[in-house]
Amino acid sequence: VPEYIVSEEGPDHDKNFTAVAMVAGVAISEGVGKSKREAEQIAARTAYESLKIELPQP
């Protein structure tokens, strides 16, 4: 299960959030969005897609 490190930038009315998905202390993907949830979902989707490509197909 990934953990997320989330940072935020910008003024209160126009923030951008960046989430880094970490597995075993290693950053595996990053997502940027207008909310923490959106950034985490993008990071999760990116991690899933990259892991799916790396896993051998049965």
N, C-alpha and C. Protein backbone atom coordinates (compact mmCIF):
# COMPACT_ATOMS: atom_id res chain seq x y z
N VAL A 1 0.85 -1.18 0.00
CA VAL A 1 0.00 0.00 0.00
C VAL A 1 0.90 1.24 0.00
N PRO A 2 0.70 2.11 -0.96
CA PRO A 2 1.54 3.31 -1.00
C PRO A 2 1.16 4.31 0.09
N GLU A 3 2.14 5.08 0.47
CA GLU A 3 1.92 6.24 1.33
C GLU A 3 2.10 7.46 0.45
N TYR A 4 1.46 8.56 0.82
CA TYR A 4 1.54 9.78 0.02
C TYR A 4 2.14 10.92 0.83
N ILE A 5 3.06 11.62 0.21
CA ILE A 5 3.59 12.85 0.78
C ILE A 5 3.00 13.98 -0.07
N VAL A 6 2.25 14.85 0.58
CA VAL A 6 1.53 15.90 -0.15
C VAL A 6 2.09 17.27 0.24
N SER A 7 2.36 18.07 -0.78
CA SER A 7 2.77 19.46 -0.55
C SER A 7 1.80 20.36 -1.29
N GLU A 8 1.75 21.62 -0.89
CA GLU A 8 0.84 22.57 -1.53
C GLU A 8 1.57 23.85 -1.84
N GLU A 9 1.16 24.47 -2.94
CA GLU A 9 1.73 25.75 -3.36
C GLU A 9 0.62 26.66 -3.83
N GLY A 10 0.87 27.94 -3.73
CA GLY A 10 -0.06 28.92 -4.25
C GLY A 10 -0.91 29.56 -3.17
N PRO A 11 -1.62 30.63 -3.57
CA PRO A 11 -2.48 31.33 -2.61
C PRO A 11 -3.69 30.46 -2.23
N ASP A 12 -4.32 30.79 -1.12
CA ASP A 12 -5.44 29.99 -0.61
C ASP A 12 -6.55 29.79 -1.63
N HIS A 13 -6.79 30.75 -2.47
CA HIS A 13 -7.89 30.64 -3.43
C HIS A 13 -7.50 29.91 -4.71
N ASP A 14 -6.22 29.55 -4.86
CA ASP A 14 -5.77 28.89 -6.10
C ASP A 14 -4.59 27.96 -5.81
N LYS A 15 -4.79 27.01 -4.90
CA LYS A 15 -3.71 26.10 -4.52
C LYS A 15 -3.52 24.98 -5.54
N ASN A 16 -2.30 24.52 -5.64
CA ASN A 16 -1.96 23.32 -6.38
C ASN A 16 -1.32 22.36 -5.38
N PHE A 17 -1.75 21.11 -5.43
CA PHE A 17 -1.23 20.09 -4.54
C PHE A 17 -0.40 19.10 -5.35
N THR A 18 0.72 18.69 -4.77
CA THR A 18 1.56 17.67 -5.38
C THR A 18 1.65 16.50 -4.42
N ALA A 19 1.31 15.31 -4.91
CA ALA A 19 1.39 14.10 -4.10
C ALA A 19 2.44 13.17 -4.69
N VAL A 20 3.30 12.67 -3.83
CA VAL A 20 4.30 11.68 -4.24
C VAL A 20 3.92 10.36 -3.60
N ALA A 21 3.72 9.33 -4.43
CA ALA A 21 3.40 7.99 -3.93
C ALA A 21 4.70 7.30 -3.56
N MET A 22 4.76 6.81 -2.32
CA MET A 22 5.96 6.14 -1.80
C MET A 22 5.62 4.69 -1.47
N VAL A 23 6.50 3.77 -1.88
CA VAL A 23 6.38 2.36 -1.51
C VAL A 23 7.73 1.94 -0.94
N ALA A 24 7.73 1.45 0.27
CA ALA A 24 8.95 1.03 0.95
C ALA A 24 9.99 2.15 0.96
N GLY A 25 9.53 3.38 1.13
CA GLY A 25 10.44 4.52 1.21
C GLY A 25 10.97 5.01 -0.12
N VAL A 26 10.46 4.47 -1.22
CA VAL A 26 10.92 4.86 -2.56
C VAL A 26 9.79 5.58 -3.29
N ALA A 27 10.08 6.75 -3.85
CA ALA A 27 9.08 7.48 -4.64
C ALA A 27 8.87 6.74 -5.95
N ILE A 28 7.59 6.39 -6.23
CA ILE A 28 7.32 5.66 -7.47
C ILE A 28 6.51 6.47 -8.47
N SER A 29 5.83 7.52 -8.02
CA SER A 29 5.09 8.36 -8.95
C SER A 29 4.71 9.67 -8.28
N GLU A 30 4.20 10.59 -9.10
CA GLU A 30 3.82 11.91 -8.62
C GLU A 30 2.55 12.35 -9.33
N GLY A 31 1.71 13.09 -8.63
CA GLY A 31 0.51 13.64 -9.22
C GLY A 31 0.30 15.06 -8.75
N VAL A 32 -0.28 15.89 -9.61
CA VAL A 32 -0.56 17.28 -9.28
C VAL A 32 -2.04 17.54 -9.54
N GLY A 33 -2.69 18.22 -8.60
CA GLY A 33 -4.10 18.51 -8.76
C GLY A 33 -4.52 19.72 -7.94
N LYS A 34 -5.79 20.07 -8.07
CA LYS A 34 -6.36 21.22 -7.36
C LYS A 34 -6.80 20.86 -5.94
N SER A 35 -6.77 19.56 -5.59
CA SER A 35 -7.06 19.13 -4.22
C SER A 35 -6.09 18.01 -3.86
N LYS A 36 -5.98 17.74 -2.56
CA LYS A 36 -5.11 16.65 -2.12
C LYS A 36 -5.59 15.34 -2.72
N ARG A 37 -6.89 15.13 -2.68
CA ARG A 37 -7.46 13.89 -3.20
C ARG A 37 -7.15 13.71 -4.68
N GLU A 38 -7.34 14.76 -5.46
CA GLU A 38 -7.06 14.67 -6.90
C GLU A 38 -5.59 14.35 -7.14
N ALA A 39 -4.70 15.00 -6.43
CA ALA A 39 -3.26 14.76 -6.60
C ALA A 39 -2.91 13.32 -6.22
N GLU A 40 -3.48 12.82 -5.13
CA GLU A 40 -3.22 11.44 -4.70
C GLU A 40 -3.76 10.44 -5.72
N GLN A 41 -4.95 10.71 -6.27
CA GLN A 41 -5.53 9.80 -7.26
C GLN A 41 -4.69 9.76 -8.53
N ILE A 42 -4.18 10.90 -8.95
CA ILE A 42 -3.33 10.94 -10.14
C ILE A 42 -2.03 10.19 -9.87
N ALA A 43 -1.45 10.38 -8.70
CA ALA A 43 -0.22 9.66 -8.34
C ALA A 43 -0.48 8.15 -8.30
N ALA A 44 -1.61 7.74 -7.75
CA ALA A 44 -1.96 6.32 -7.67
C ALA A 44 -2.15 5.73 -9.07
N ARG A 45 -2.86 6.45 -9.93
CA ARG A 45 -3.09 5.98 -11.29
C ARG A 45 -1.77 5.84 -12.05
N THR A 46 -0.90 6.83 -11.90
CA THR A 46 0.40 6.80 -12.56
C THR A 46 1.23 5.62 -12.05
N ALA A 47 1.21 5.39 -10.74
CA ALA A 47 1.96 4.27 -10.15
C ALA A 47 1.42 2.95 -10.68
N TYR A 48 0.10 2.81 -10.71
CA TYR A 48 -0.53 1.58 -11.21
C TYR A 48 -0.12 1.32 -12.66
N GLU A 49 -0.21 2.34 -13.48
CA GLU A 49 0.14 2.18 -14.90
C GLU A 49 1.61 1.79 -15.06
N SER A 50 2.50 2.40 -14.30
CA SER A 50 3.92 2.08 -14.45
C SER A 50 4.22 0.68 -13.92
N LEU A 51 3.56 0.27 -12.84
CA LEU A 51 3.77 -1.08 -12.31
C LEU A 51 3.16 -2.13 -13.24
N LYS A 52 2.04 -1.81 -13.85
CA LYS A 52 1.38 -2.74 -14.77
C LYS A 52 2.30 -3.03 -15.96
N ILE A 53 2.99 -2.02 -16.43
CA ILE A 53 3.90 -2.18 -17.56
C ILE A 53 5.09 -3.05 -17.16
N GLU A 54 5.58 -2.90 -15.93
CA GLU A 54 6.78 -3.61 -15.48
C GLU A 54 6.51 -5.06 -15.09
N LEU A 55 5.27 -5.40 -14.73
CA LEU A 55 4.97 -6.76 -14.31
C LEU A 55 4.88 -7.68 -15.51
N PRO A 56 5.42 -8.91 -15.41
CA PRO A 56 5.31 -9.85 -16.52
C PRO A 56 3.86 -10.28 -16.70
N GLN A 57 3.45 -10.46 -17.92
CA GLN A 57 2.09 -10.89 -18.22
C GLN A 57 2.01 -12.41 -18.11
N PRO A 58 0.92 -12.94 -17.55
CA PRO A 58 0.78 -14.41 -17.41
C PRO A 58 0.58 -15.09 -18.76
